[in-house]
Each structure stands twice: as C-alpha cells, then as structure tokens.
C-alpha atoms as a PDB file:
ATOM      1  CA  MET A   1      11.734  18.600  -1.448  1.00  0.00           C
ATOM      2  CA  THR A   2      14.457  19.446   1.384  1.00  0.00           C
ATOM      3  CA  SER A   3      13.603  17.707   4.636  1.00  0.00           C
ATOM      4  CA  HIS A   4      15.786  14.937   5.963  1.00  0.00           C
ATOM      5  CA  ASP A   5      13.878  13.596   8.821  1.00  0.00           C
ATOM      6  CA  LEU A   6      14.130   9.941   7.752  1.00  0.00           C
ATOM      7  CA  ALA A   7      18.280  10.477   7.378  1.00  0.00           C
ATOM      8  CA  ASN A   8      20.341   7.386   8.128  1.00  0.00           C
ATOM      9  CA  GLN A   9      16.811   5.214   9.000  1.00  0.00           C
ATOM     10  CA  VAL A  10      15.842   2.237   6.425  1.00  0.00           C
ATOM     11  CA  ALA A  11      12.547   2.356   4.496  1.00  0.00           C
ATOM     12  CA  LEU A  12      11.015  -1.336   3.204  1.00  0.00           C
ATOM     13  CA  VAL A  13       9.311  -0.652   0.103  1.00  0.00           C
ATOM     14  CA  THR A  14       7.103  -3.676  -1.198  1.00  0.00           C
ATOM     15  CA  GLY A  15       5.659  -3.418  -4.574  1.00  0.00           C
ATOM     16  CA  ALA A  16       8.341  -1.106  -5.445  1.00  0.00           C
ATOM     17  CA  SER A  17       9.040  -1.872  -9.288  1.00  0.00           C
ATOM     18  CA  SER A  18       6.577   0.423 -10.445  1.00  0.00           C
ATOM     19  CA  GLY A  19       3.590   2.809  -9.475  1.00  0.00           C
ATOM     20  CA  LEU A  20       2.902   3.582  -5.548  1.00  0.00           C
ATOM     21  CA  GLY A  21       5.541   1.937  -4.888  1.00  0.00           C
ATOM     22  CA  VAL A  22       8.322   3.628  -6.999  1.00  0.00           C
ATOM     23  CA  ASP A  23       6.908   7.377  -5.292  1.00  0.00           C
ATOM     24  CA  PHE A  24       7.334   5.838  -2.535  1.00  0.00           C
ATOM     25  CA  ALA A  25      10.269   4.750  -2.840  1.00  0.00           C
ATOM     26  CA  ARG A  26      11.389   8.203  -4.142  1.00  0.00           C
ATOM     27  CA  GLN A  27       9.523  10.164  -1.481  1.00  0.00           C
ATOM     28  CA  LEU A  28      11.338   8.430   1.181  1.00  0.00           C
ATOM     29  CA  ALA A  29      14.382   8.936  -0.054  1.00  0.00           C
ATOM     30  CA  ALA A  30      13.842  12.406  -0.864  1.00  0.00           C
ATOM     31  CA  ARG A  31      13.674  12.433   3.155  1.00  0.00           C
ATOM     32  CA  GLY A  32      16.781  10.879   3.217  1.00  0.00           C
ATOM     33  CA  ALA A  33      15.948   7.387   4.048  1.00  0.00           C
ATOM     34  CA  ASN A  34      17.684   4.162   2.439  1.00  0.00           C
ATOM     35  CA  LEU A  35      16.050   1.962   0.783  1.00  0.00           C
ATOM     36  CA  ILE A  36      15.258  -1.646   0.313  1.00  0.00           C
ATOM     37  CA  LEU A  37      13.089  -2.243  -3.074  1.00  0.00           C
ATOM     38  CA  VAL A  38      11.218  -5.596  -2.882  1.00  0.00           C
ATOM     39  CA  ALA A  39       9.043  -7.222  -6.436  1.00  0.00           C
ATOM     40  CA  ARG A  40       8.989  -9.509  -8.688  1.00  0.00           C
ATOM     41  CA  ARG A  41      10.300  -7.857 -11.737  1.00  0.00           C
ATOM     42  CA  GLU A  42      13.930  -7.628 -11.505  1.00  0.00           C
ATOM     43  CA  ASP A  43      15.307  -5.725 -14.209  1.00  0.00           C
ATOM     44  CA  GLN A  44      12.673  -2.804 -13.595  1.00  0.00           C
ATOM     45  CA  LEU A  45      13.345  -2.716 -10.074  1.00  0.00           C
ATOM     46  CA  ARG A  46      16.812  -2.910 -10.559  1.00  0.00           C
ATOM     47  CA  ALA A  47      16.437   0.422 -12.590  1.00  0.00           C
ATOM     48  CA  VAL A  48      14.069   2.345  -9.837  1.00  0.00           C
ATOM     49  CA  ALA A  49      17.083   1.359  -7.079  1.00  0.00           C
ATOM     50  CA  ALA A  50      20.123   2.406  -9.487  1.00  0.00           C
ATOM     51  CA  GLU A  51      17.829   5.236 -10.445  1.00  0.00           C
ATOM     52  CA  ILE A  52      17.396   6.502  -6.959  1.00  0.00           C
ATOM     53  CA  GLU A  53      20.449   6.129  -5.679  1.00  0.00           C
ATOM     54  CA  LYS A  54      21.357   8.083  -8.405  1.00  0.00           C
ATOM     55  CA  THR A  55      19.115  11.172  -7.874  1.00  0.00           C
ATOM     56  CA  TYR A  56      19.314  11.110  -3.969  1.00  0.00           C
ATOM     57  CA  ALA A  57      22.495   9.872  -3.126  1.00  0.00           C
ATOM     58  CA  VAL A  58      21.138   7.191  -0.911  1.00  0.00           C
ATOM     59  CA  SER A  59      21.642   3.307  -0.781  1.00  0.00           C
ATOM     60  CA  ALA A  60      19.127   1.598  -2.119  1.00  0.00           C
ATOM     61  CA  GLN A  61      18.666  -2.316  -2.425  1.00  0.00           C
ATOM     62  CA  ALA A  62      16.826  -4.496  -4.841  1.00  0.00           C
ATOM     63  CA  ILE A  63      15.407  -7.482  -3.969  1.00  0.00           C
ATOM     64  CA  ALA A  64      13.625  -9.732  -6.359  1.00  0.00           C
ATOM     65  CA  LEU A  65      10.609 -11.715  -4.533  1.00  0.00           C
ATOM     66  CA  ASP A  66       7.345 -12.794  -4.785  1.00  0.00           C
ATOM     67  CA  LEU A  67       5.696 -11.730  -2.009  1.00  0.00           C
ATOM     68  CA  ALA A  68       2.616 -13.862  -2.548  1.00  0.00           C
ATOM     69  CA  THR A  69       4.033 -17.388  -2.040  1.00  0.00           C
ATOM     70  CA  PRO A  70       3.688 -18.464   1.823  1.00  0.00           C
ATOM     71  CA  ASP A  71       7.419 -18.919   2.787  1.00  0.00           C
ATOM     72  CA  ALA A  72       8.798 -15.184   1.346  1.00  0.00           C
ATOM     73  CA  PRO A  73       7.822 -13.051   4.023  1.00  0.00           C
ATOM     74  CA  GLN A  74       9.777 -14.785   6.641  1.00  0.00           C
ATOM     75  CA  ALA A  75      12.577 -15.320   3.823  1.00  0.00           C
ATOM     76  CA  LEU A  76      12.671 -11.104   3.668  1.00  0.00           C
ATOM     77  CA  TYR A  77      12.994 -10.681   7.389  1.00  0.00           C
ATOM     78  CA  ASP A  78      15.328 -13.673   7.855  1.00  0.00           C
ATOM     79  CA  ARG A  79      17.686 -12.490   4.754  1.00  0.00           C
ATOM     80  CA  LEU A  80      17.751  -8.556   6.409  1.00  0.00           C
ATOM     81  CA  ARG A  81      18.592 -10.088   9.609  1.00  0.00           C
ATOM     82  CA  GLN A  82      21.098 -11.800   8.641  1.00  0.00           C
ATOM     83  CA  GLN A  83      22.515  -8.746   7.227  1.00  0.00           C
ATOM     84  CA  GLU A  84      22.028  -6.644  10.580  1.00  0.00           C
ATOM     85  CA  ILE A  85      19.759  -4.435   8.710  1.00  0.00           C
ATOM     86  CA  HIS A  86      17.014  -3.021  10.866  1.00  0.00           C
ATOM     87  CA  VAL A  87      13.783  -1.377   9.310  1.00  0.00           C
ATOM     88  CA  ASP A  88      12.393   1.801  10.705  1.00  0.00           C
ATOM     89  CA  VAL A  89       9.635   2.183   7.666  1.00  0.00           C
ATOM     90  CA  LEU A  90       7.678  -0.618   6.643  1.00  0.00           C
ATOM     91  CA  ILE A  91       5.750   0.302   3.437  1.00  0.00           C
ATOM     92  CA  ASN A  92       2.705  -2.312   3.034  1.00  0.00           C
ATOM     93  CA  ASN A  93       2.184  -2.001  -1.164  1.00  0.00           C
ATOM     94  CA  ALA A  94       2.243  -5.137  -3.283  1.00  0.00           C
ATOM     95  CA  GLY A  95      -0.654  -5.596  -3.852  1.00  0.00           C
ATOM     96  CA  PHE A  96      -3.930  -6.023  -6.865  1.00  0.00           C
ATOM     97  CA  GLY A  97      -7.214  -6.497  -7.537  1.00  0.00           C
ATOM     98  CA  VAL A  98      -9.341  -8.494  -9.546  1.00  0.00           C
ATOM     99  CA  TYR A  99     -12.187  -6.955 -11.933  1.00  0.00           C
ATOM    100  CA  GLY A 100     -15.515  -8.792 -12.678  1.00  0.00           C
ATOM    101  CA  ASP A 101     -18.554 -10.565 -11.386  1.00  0.00           C
ATOM    102  CA  PHE A 102     -17.792 -12.679  -8.064  1.00  0.00           C
ATOM    103  CA  ALA A 103     -19.004 -16.071  -9.971  1.00  0.00           C
ATOM    104  CA  SER A 104     -16.947 -15.023 -13.127  1.00  0.00           C
ATOM    105  CA  VAL A 105     -13.621 -14.534 -11.259  1.00  0.00           C
ATOM    106  CA  PRO A 106     -11.341 -17.901 -11.446  1.00  0.00           C
ATOM    107  CA  TRP A 107     -10.167 -18.973  -8.222  1.00  0.00           C
ATOM    108  CA  GLU A 108      -6.920 -18.836  -8.679  1.00  0.00           C
ATOM    109  CA  ARG A 109      -6.467 -15.796  -9.487  1.00  0.00           C
ATOM    110  CA  GLU A 110      -8.774 -14.572  -6.961  1.00  0.00           C
ATOM    111  CA  LYS A 111      -6.828 -16.403  -4.246  1.00  0.00           C
ATOM    112  CA  ALA A 112      -3.770 -14.917  -5.306  1.00  0.00           C
ATOM    113  CA  MET A 113      -4.744 -11.675  -5.004  1.00  0.00           C
ATOM    114  CA  LEU A 114      -6.468 -12.263  -1.004  1.00  0.00           C
ATOM    115  CA  ASP A 115      -2.843 -14.469  -0.717  1.00  0.00           C
ATOM    116  CA  LEU A 116      -1.078 -11.360  -1.469  1.00  0.00           C
ATOM    117  CA  ASP A 117      -3.281  -7.790  -0.072  1.00  0.00           C
ATOM    118  CA  ILE A 118      -3.971 -10.402   3.193  1.00  0.00           C
ATOM    119  CA  VAL A 119      -1.943 -12.623   3.979  1.00  0.00           C
ATOM    120  CA  THR A 120       1.351 -11.118   3.387  1.00  0.00           C
ATOM    121  CA  LEU A 121       0.711  -7.792   4.566  1.00  0.00           C
ATOM    122  CA  THR A 122      -0.238  -9.381   8.032  1.00  0.00           C
ATOM    123  CA  HIS A 123       2.645 -11.399   8.166  1.00  0.00           C
ATOM    124  CA  MET A 124       4.805  -8.654   6.817  1.00  0.00           C
ATOM    125  CA  THR A 125       3.348  -6.272   9.767  1.00  0.00           C
ATOM    126  CA  LYS A 126       3.968  -8.891  11.998  1.00  0.00           C
ATOM    127  CA  LEU A 127       7.577  -9.675  11.415  1.00  0.00           C
ATOM    128  CA  PHE A 128       8.444  -6.030  11.524  1.00  0.00           C
ATOM    129  CA  VAL A 129       6.674  -4.509  13.751  1.00  0.00           C
ATOM    130  CA  ARG A 130       8.197  -6.586  16.933  1.00  0.00           C
ATOM    131  CA  ASP A 131      11.595  -5.358  16.253  1.00  0.00           C
ATOM    132  CA  MET A 132      10.441  -1.946  16.198  1.00  0.00           C
ATOM    133  CA  LEU A 133       8.545  -2.499  19.312  1.00  0.00           C
ATOM    134  CA  LYS A 134      12.162  -3.189  20.807  1.00  0.00           C
ATOM    135  CA  ARG A 135      13.538  -0.532  19.200  1.00  0.00           C
ATOM    136  CA  LYS A 136      11.050   1.798  20.283  1.00  0.00           C
ATOM    137  CA  HIS A 137      10.752   3.673  16.730  1.00  0.00           C
ATOM    138  CA  GLY A 138       9.252   2.775  13.459  1.00  0.00           C
ATOM    139  CA  TYR A 139       6.842   3.730  11.101  1.00  0.00           C
ATOM    140  CA  ILE A 140       4.383   1.235   8.761  1.00  0.00           C
ATOM    141  CA  LEU A 141       2.132   2.836   6.182  1.00  0.00           C
ATOM    142  CA  GLN A 142      -0.611   0.119   5.093  1.00  0.00           C
ATOM    143  CA  VAL A 143      -1.459   0.989   1.201  1.00  0.00           C
ATOM    144  CA  ALA A 144      -5.364  -0.265   1.287  1.00  0.00           C
ATOM    145  CA  SER A 145      -8.058   1.669  -0.889  1.00  0.00           C
ATOM    146  CA  ILE A 146     -11.289   3.725  -1.017  1.00  0.00           C
ATOM    147  CA  GLY A 147     -12.949   0.504  -1.909  1.00  0.00           C
ATOM    148  CA  ALA A 148     -12.753  -0.420   1.737  1.00  0.00           C
ATOM    149  CA  TYR A 149     -15.143   1.961   3.082  1.00  0.00           C
ATOM    150  CA  GLN A 150     -18.133   0.746   1.107  1.00  0.00           C
ATOM    151  CA  PRO A 151     -19.370  -3.318  -0.491  1.00  0.00           C
ATOM    152  CA  SER A 152     -18.154  -2.873  -4.307  1.00  0.00           C
ATOM    153  CA  PRO A 153     -19.622  -5.144  -6.751  1.00  0.00           C
ATOM    154  CA  THR A 154     -17.484  -6.475  -9.362  1.00  0.00           C
ATOM    155  CA  TYR A 155     -14.374  -5.871  -6.884  1.00  0.00           C
ATOM    156  CA  ALA A 156     -16.345  -7.694  -4.388  1.00  0.00           C
ATOM    157  CA  THR A 157     -13.495  -9.579  -2.186  1.00  0.00           C
ATOM    158  CA  TYR A 158     -10.884  -6.942  -3.290  1.00  0.00           C
ATOM    159  CA  SER A 159     -12.489  -4.164  -1.435  1.00  0.00           C
ATOM    160  CA  ALA A 160     -13.545  -6.451   1.330  1.00  0.00           C
ATOM    161  CA  ALA A 161      -9.786  -7.117   1.748  1.00  0.00           C
ATOM    162  CA  LYS A 162      -9.252  -4.096   1.439  1.00  0.00           C
ATOM    163  CA  ALA A 163     -11.639  -2.900   4.521  1.00  0.00           C
ATOM    164  CA  TYR A 164      -9.677  -6.379   6.366  1.00  0.00           C
ATOM    165  CA  VAL A 165      -6.690  -3.881   5.598  1.00  0.00           C
ATOM    166  CA  LEU A 166      -8.563  -0.442   7.159  1.00  0.00           C
ATOM    167  CA  SER A 167     -10.025  -1.749  10.169  1.00  0.00           C
ATOM    168  CA  MET A 168      -6.878  -4.042  11.166  1.00  0.00           C
ATOM    169  CA  GLY A 169      -4.213  -1.044  10.324  1.00  0.00           C
ATOM    170  CA  GLU A 170      -6.232   0.902  12.826  1.00  0.00           C
ATOM    171  CA  ALA A 171      -7.402  -1.331  15.753  1.00  0.00           C
ATOM    172  CA  ILE A 172      -3.482  -2.412  15.817  1.00  0.00           C
ATOM    173  CA  ASN A 173      -2.078   1.590  15.483  1.00  0.00           C
ATOM    174  CA  TYR A 174      -4.020   2.112  18.839  1.00  0.00           C
ATOM    175  CA  GLU A 175      -2.514  -0.579  20.281  1.00  0.00           C
ATOM    176  CA  LEU A 176       0.714   0.517  19.616  1.00  0.00           C
ATOM    177  CA  ARG A 177      -0.170   4.030  21.237  1.00  0.00           C
ATOM    178  CA  GLY A 178       2.628   5.322  23.283  1.00  0.00           C
ATOM    179  CA  SER A 179       5.183   2.797  22.241  1.00  0.00           C
ATOM    180  CA  GLY A 180       6.971   4.699  19.539  1.00  0.00           C
ATOM    181  CA  VAL A 181       5.600   3.038  16.563  1.00  0.00           C
ATOM    182  CA  SER A 182       2.696   3.310  14.571  1.00  0.00           C
ATOM    183  CA  ILE A 183       0.651   2.401  11.560  1.00  0.00           C
ATOM    184  CA  THR A 184      -1.808   4.966   8.775  1.00  0.00           C
ATOM    185  CA  VAL A 185      -3.836   3.328   6.465  1.00  0.00           C
ATOM    186  CA  ILE A 186      -3.906   5.199   2.949  1.00  0.00           C
ATOM    187  CA  SER A 187      -6.543   4.506   1.094  1.00  0.00           C
ATOM    188  CA  PRO A 188      -6.380   6.039  -2.517  1.00  0.00           C
ATOM    189  CA  GLY A 189      -9.168   6.359  -4.813  1.00  0.00           C
ATOM    190  CA  VAL A 190      -8.443   5.445  -8.798  1.00  0.00           C
ATOM    191  CA  THR A 191      -4.759   6.348  -9.269  1.00  0.00           C
ATOM    192  CA  ALA A 192      -2.692   6.825 -12.483  1.00  0.00           C
ATOM    193  CA  THR A 193      -0.767   3.335 -11.828  1.00  0.00           C
ATOM    194  CA  GLU A 194      -0.723   0.147 -13.389  1.00  0.00           C
ATOM    195  CA  PHE A 195      -3.820  -1.252 -11.384  1.00  0.00           C
ATOM    196  CA  LEU A 196      -6.905  -0.945 -14.029  1.00  0.00           C
ATOM    197  CA  LYS A 197      -4.733  -2.958 -16.524  1.00  0.00           C
ATOM    198  CA  VAL A 198      -3.928  -5.289 -13.906  1.00  0.00           C
ATOM    199  CA  ALA A 199      -7.281  -5.739 -12.670  1.00  0.00           C
ATOM    200  CA  GLY A 200      -8.817  -6.549 -16.210  1.00  0.00           C
ATOM    201  CA  GLN A 201     -10.725  -3.175 -16.471  1.00  0.00           C
ATOM    202  CA  SER A 202     -10.843  -0.190 -18.797  1.00  0.00           C
ATOM    203  CA  PRO A 203     -11.606   2.690 -16.573  1.00  0.00           C
ATOM    204  CA  SER A 204     -15.293   3.767 -16.213  1.00  0.00           C
ATOM    205  CA  LEU A 205     -16.107   7.553 -16.243  1.00  0.00           C
ATOM    206  CA  TYR A 206     -16.353   8.133 -12.906  1.00  0.00           C
ATOM    207  CA  GLN A 207     -12.511   6.660 -12.694  1.00  0.00           C
ATOM    208  CA  ARG A 208     -11.175   8.688 -16.094  1.00  0.00           C
ATOM    209  CA  LEU A 209     -13.092  11.918 -13.860  1.00  0.00           C
ATOM    210  CA  MET A 210     -11.012  11.164 -10.322  1.00  0.00           C
ATOM    211  CA  MET A 211      -7.539   9.378 -11.302  1.00  0.00           C
ATOM    212  CA  MET A 212      -5.394  11.324  -8.775  1.00  0.00           C
ATOM    213  CA  ASP A 213      -1.628  11.513  -9.640  1.00  0.00           C
ATOM    214  CA  SER A 214       0.646   8.803  -7.885  1.00  0.00           C
ATOM    215  CA  THR A 215       3.482  11.304  -6.903  1.00  0.00           C
ATOM    216  CA  LYS A 216       0.771  13.137  -5.004  1.00  0.00           C
ATOM    217  CA  VAL A 217      -0.510  10.057  -3.806  1.00  0.00           C
ATOM    218  CA  ALA A 218       2.183   9.122  -2.479  1.00  0.00           C
ATOM    219  CA  ARG A 219       3.504  12.036  -0.967  1.00  0.00           C
ATOM    220  CA  ILE A 220       0.164  12.485   0.995  1.00  0.00           C
ATOM    221  CA  GLY A 221       1.000   9.004   2.646  1.00  0.00           C
ATOM    222  CA  ILE A 222       4.091   9.787   3.378  1.00  0.00           C
ATOM    223  CA  GLU A 223       3.764  12.691   5.553  1.00  0.00           C
ATOM    224  CA  GLN A 224       0.654  11.435   7.057  1.00  0.00           C
ATOM    225  CA  MET A 225       2.479   8.496   8.132  1.00  0.00           C
ATOM    226  CA  LEU A 226       5.162  10.582   9.699  1.00  0.00           C
ATOM    227  CA  ARG A 227       2.627  12.087  11.642  1.00  0.00           C
ATOM    228  CA  ARG A 228       1.600   8.841  12.762  1.00  0.00           C
ATOM    229  CA  ARG A 229      -2.151   9.523  11.577  1.00  0.00           C
ATOM    230  CA  PRO A 230      -4.319   6.400  12.305  1.00  0.00           C
ATOM    231  CA  SER A 231      -5.465   6.611   8.371  1.00  0.00           C
ATOM    232  CA  VAL A 232      -5.959   8.892   5.475  1.00  0.00           C
ATOM    233  CA  VAL A 233      -8.033   9.150   2.401  1.00  0.00           C
ATOM    234  CA  PRO A 234      -6.006  11.447  -0.311  1.00  0.00           C
ATOM    235  CA  GLY A 235      -8.229  13.923  -2.217  1.00  0.00           C
ATOM    236  CA  PHE A 236     -10.946  16.057  -1.042  1.00  0.00           C
ATOM    237  CA  MET A 237     -13.965  14.102  -3.041  1.00  0.00           C
ATOM    238  CA  ASN A 238     -12.412  10.848  -2.293  1.00  0.00           C
ATOM    239  CA  GLY A 239     -12.754  11.997   1.486  1.00  0.00           C
ATOM    240  CA  LEU A 240     -16.301  13.133   0.962  1.00  0.00           C
ATOM    241  CA  PHE A 241     -16.920   9.530  -1.097  1.00  0.00           C
ATOM    242  CA  ALA A 242     -15.826   7.937   1.769  1.00  0.00           C
ATOM    243  CA  PHE A 243     -17.356  10.030   4.439  1.00  0.00           C
ATOM    244  CA  SER A 244     -20.720  10.404   2.724  1.00  0.00           C
ATOM    245  CA  ALA A 245     -20.638   6.344   2.207  1.00  0.00           C
ATOM    246  CA  ARG A 246     -20.892   5.975   5.908  1.00  0.00           C
ATOM    247  CA  LEU A 247     -24.319   7.708   6.081  1.00  0.00           C
ATOM    248  CA  MET A 248     -26.137   5.736   3.156  1.00  0.00           C
ATOM    249  CA  PRO A 249     -28.080   2.582   3.600  1.00  0.00           C
ATOM    250  CA  ARG A 250     -25.704  -0.401   2.978  1.00  0.00           C
ATOM    251  CA  ARG A 251     -27.375  -1.765   0.086  1.00  0.00           C
ATOM    252  CA  MET A 252     -27.371   1.828  -1.626  1.00  0.00           C
ATOM    253  CA  GLN A 253     -24.047   1.679  -0.932  1.00  0.00           C
ATOM    254  CA  ALA A 254     -23.297  -1.318  -3.452  1.00  0.00           C
ATOM    255  CA  ALA A 255     -25.730   0.340  -6.043  1.00  0.00           C
ATOM    256  CA  ALA A 256     -23.917   4.070  -6.247  1.00  0.00           C
ATOM    257  CA  ALA A 257     -20.579   1.909  -6.073  1.00  0.00           C
ATOM    258  CA  HIS A 258     -21.243  -0.253  -8.520  1.00  0.00           C
ATOM    259  CA  PHE A 259     -22.727   3.229 -11.150  1.00  0.00           C
ATOM    260  CA  MET A 260     -19.618   4.669 -10.372  1.00  0.00           C
ATOM    261  CA  MET A 261     -17.427   1.470 -11.452  1.00  0.00           C
ATOM    262  CA  THR A 262     -19.032   0.289 -14.447  1.00  0.00           C
ATOM    263  CA  ARG A 263     -20.500   3.949 -16.103  1.00  0.00           C
ATOM    264  CA  ASN A 264     -19.142   4.267 -19.388  1.00  0.00           C
END
C-alpha cells in the first residue's frame, strides 16, 4: 500500500493489542496516520506500537487501559486533550463475544461484554464525534458483526449488542451528513482472530469454511470508511447471508443461525 491519504492525521484504535485491532492499525499507518493504540495488555500493545513505528515511520503511542471500566473512555479523552492530541479517525474495535445458552452464561461475564460492546462504544463515539464536528472533519469505524443481521442462538446477547452497534452507527451517520464527519459500520463474519477462543467456542463447520483473513477484513473496513460508506459486510458470501436473512421469517433466521453456529 502506497497511499498516504491520512498523512499527519491521528487515528485512535481500541482493542489494538491483537487481531483486527493490530491489522486496522497497520492499515492506517500504511496510509500515513500517527496512532494512539489502546488495549489492556500493555506488553503486547507496546510490542505492536514498536513494530508499527519501525515498519511505517509513523508515531504510535501505546496506552494500556481497560475500556470496560465505567470512567475509562472519559479518562482517555481527557488524557489526549491534555496532550493536545486531536483524533481524526476513531476505530471502535474493542469488544468480545460470549458463547453458550443464555441461561448458562454467567451474568458477570455477560455484563462485562455488554458494557464494553455497547456502553463503552457509545461513550467513545459521543466524546470524540463532538470535536470532529467542530473541526468539520473525521471518520469513525464501528466494528459490529454479521450476527447483527439475525437473531443468533448461543450468541444471543452478543448478536443483539452488535445489532445495536449497526443500527446506531447507520442512524448517526445519517445525522452527520454534510458535516465532514461520517460513521461506517463493518460487520465481519468469522475472522481469524482470538474471538472464538475468548468466546469459549470450538469452531463449527460453517465457521471453519467461512473463516476470513483479518488483514483482508481490516483493509476492507478502512477503505470503506474513507469512502464514507454507512456500512459494509466484508466477503461475498457473508454479504449474501446478511442480505438473504432479511428475506427469511425471523423464526427461520434463528434456526439457520443456530445450525451454523453449532453444526460440527
């Protein structure tokens, strides 16, 4: 990649110590952006920052922070303001899923997921979009999931959370039209990251067959964000599934999703 269309701009990437977060960061750095990388795992995060600085000749600041804690988004925002850092690109990537029947999933684990996937994402968006609007320039990429397009047994609350992310992102993007600021929602299918391990699931047959490379997913997300697309589902088959789900009765959607998530 030789484009430097983000040269001298600052991109903030959450969940940047592994998986899609690292690949989003590399894609942005290749376009010339300086980076603020945020995640819980400090050693891993600093290693990513060092590798990016060496490879792409941009600055990459690592901030170890658990964004799931209630005051973390505000603390991060205040810290960057004190440093007089203006964020031009926000990648809301931090999040995780929980696999299992709803009745058996521990509430503490489920609440932590909902706090990070919904509350933190919303708070981060609200904090940074206001400054972008004042400068009349900015991009926000929200990471949802193909699960946002249908009810998903065994991922019931995760998919519902991602449906929130999709709906909210598309709605706010419409509100922002003409402002110079936009929100794009990317809804990946199964991607080669730590997601399944963290969720507690062994991959199903469907997941093994449909696994996409995280570098490709991240590239698609950044490209569509820069084109100010409201939403994108990476991968032809994933896009086909998301579209066809709208044509099914909702009970059939749930049955099909359950089959794909559990059939080995």
